[in-house]
């Protein structure tokens, strides 16, 4: 799995499984994402909170 500019928790968890020896959990995935330069982004859309990790330095794919 490749890193993208915007990744969901599940995508980041799968990336962590493939590239790390740690077991993915809510805290460990967040720490792993921060180590890679990602920041949490939690927009509210139609009354529901969506959770993403965003890194502006990763080039966007067209």
C-alpha atoms as a PDB file:
ATOM      1  CA  UNK A   1       0.000   0.000   0.000  1.00  0.00           C
ATOM      2  CA  UNK A   2       1.299   3.435  -0.941  1.00  0.00           C
ATOM      3  CA  UNK A   3       1.010   6.604   1.092  1.00  0.00           C
ATOM      4  CA  UNK A   4      -1.580   9.066  -0.181  1.00  0.00           C
ATOM      5  CA  UNK A   5      -2.199  12.694   0.677  1.00  0.00           C
ATOM      6  CA  UNK A   6      -5.422  11.787   2.532  1.00  0.00           C
ATOM      7  CA  UNK A   7      -5.781   8.403   4.229  1.00  0.00           C
ATOM      8  CA  UNK A   8      -8.526   6.907   6.377  1.00  0.00           C
ATOM      9  CA  UNK A   9      -7.843   5.121   9.641  1.00  0.00           C
ATOM     10  CA  UNK A  10      -8.268   1.721   7.937  1.00  0.00           C
ATOM     11  CA  UNK A  11      -5.838   2.594   5.149  1.00  0.00           C
ATOM     12  CA  UNK A  12      -3.259   3.848   7.636  1.00  0.00           C
ATOM     13  CA  UNK A  13      -3.749   0.714   9.726  1.00  0.00           C
ATOM     14  CA  UNK A  14      -3.110  -1.518   6.679  1.00  0.00           C
ATOM     15  CA  UNK A  15       0.007   0.498   5.806  1.00  0.00           C
ATOM     16  CA  UNK A  16       1.239   0.106   9.380  1.00  0.00           C
ATOM     17  CA  UNK A  17       0.733  -3.687   9.248  1.00  0.00           C
ATOM     18  CA  UNK A  18       2.783  -3.911   6.050  1.00  0.00           C
ATOM     19  CA  UNK A  19       5.626  -1.582   7.045  1.00  0.00           C
ATOM     20  CA  UNK A  20       5.935  -1.897  10.824  1.00  0.00           C
ATOM     21  CA  UNK A  21       6.252  -4.577  13.469  1.00  0.00           C
ATOM     22  CA  UNK A  22       3.720  -2.891  15.781  1.00  0.00           C
ATOM     23  CA  UNK A  23       0.142  -4.063  16.209  1.00  0.00           C
ATOM     24  CA  UNK A  24      -2.331  -1.484  14.891  1.00  0.00           C
ATOM     25  CA  UNK A  25      -4.620   0.098  17.458  1.00  0.00           C
ATOM     26  CA  UNK A  26      -6.214   3.516  17.764  1.00  0.00           C
ATOM     27  CA  UNK A  27      -3.263   5.046  19.628  1.00  0.00           C
ATOM     28  CA  UNK A  28      -0.461   3.265  17.767  1.00  0.00           C
ATOM     29  CA  UNK A  29      -1.885   4.102  14.328  1.00  0.00           C
ATOM     30  CA  UNK A  30      -2.130   7.770  15.333  1.00  0.00           C
ATOM     31  CA  UNK A  31       1.462   7.835  16.554  1.00  0.00           C
ATOM     32  CA  UNK A  32       2.629   6.061  13.415  1.00  0.00           C
ATOM     33  CA  UNK A  33       0.779   8.590  11.230  1.00  0.00           C
ATOM     34  CA  UNK A  34       2.372  11.499  13.094  1.00  0.00           C
ATOM     35  CA  UNK A  35       5.816   9.934  12.631  1.00  0.00           C
ATOM     36  CA  UNK A  36       5.154   9.943   8.878  1.00  0.00           C
ATOM     37  CA  UNK A  37       4.134  13.632   8.962  1.00  0.00           C
ATOM     38  CA  UNK A  38       0.336  13.199   8.905  1.00  0.00           C
ATOM     39  CA  UNK A  39      -2.112  15.274  10.924  1.00  0.00           C
ATOM     40  CA  UNK A  40      -5.639  14.226  11.923  1.00  0.00           C
ATOM     41  CA  UNK A  41      -8.503  15.884  10.065  1.00  0.00           C
ATOM     42  CA  UNK A  42     -12.053  15.413  11.356  1.00  0.00           C
ATOM     43  CA  UNK A  43     -14.663  17.229   9.264  1.00  0.00           C
ATOM     44  CA  UNK A  44     -18.363  16.992  10.082  1.00  0.00           C
ATOM     45  CA  UNK A  45     -20.440  16.124   7.024  1.00  0.00           C
ATOM     46  CA  UNK A  46     -24.226  15.957   7.366  1.00  0.00           C
ATOM     47  CA  UNK A  47     -23.997  15.528  11.133  1.00  0.00           C
ATOM     48  CA  UNK A  48     -21.386  12.742  11.064  1.00  0.00           C
ATOM     49  CA  UNK A  49     -17.705  13.094  11.894  1.00  0.00           C
ATOM     50  CA  UNK A  50     -15.347  11.609   9.320  1.00  0.00           C
ATOM     51  CA  UNK A  51     -11.764  10.838  10.347  1.00  0.00           C
ATOM     52  CA  UNK A  52      -8.774  11.203   8.016  1.00  0.00           C
ATOM     53  CA  UNK A  53      -5.035  11.654   8.228  1.00  0.00           C
ATOM     54  CA  UNK A  54      -3.726  14.410   5.925  1.00  0.00           C
ATOM     55  CA  UNK A  55      -0.176  15.156   4.788  1.00  0.00           C
ATOM     56  CA  UNK A  56       0.264  18.079   2.395  1.00  0.00           C
ATOM     57  CA  UNK A  57       3.832  17.031   1.522  1.00  0.00           C
ATOM     58  CA  UNK A  58       2.717  13.833  -0.199  1.00  0.00           C
ATOM     59  CA  UNK A  59       2.008  14.577  -3.862  1.00  0.00           C
ATOM     60  CA  UNK A  60      -1.638  14.219  -4.882  1.00  0.00           C
ATOM     61  CA  UNK A  61      -2.364  11.597  -7.514  1.00  0.00           C
ATOM     62  CA  UNK A  62      -4.376  12.722 -10.501  1.00  0.00           C
END
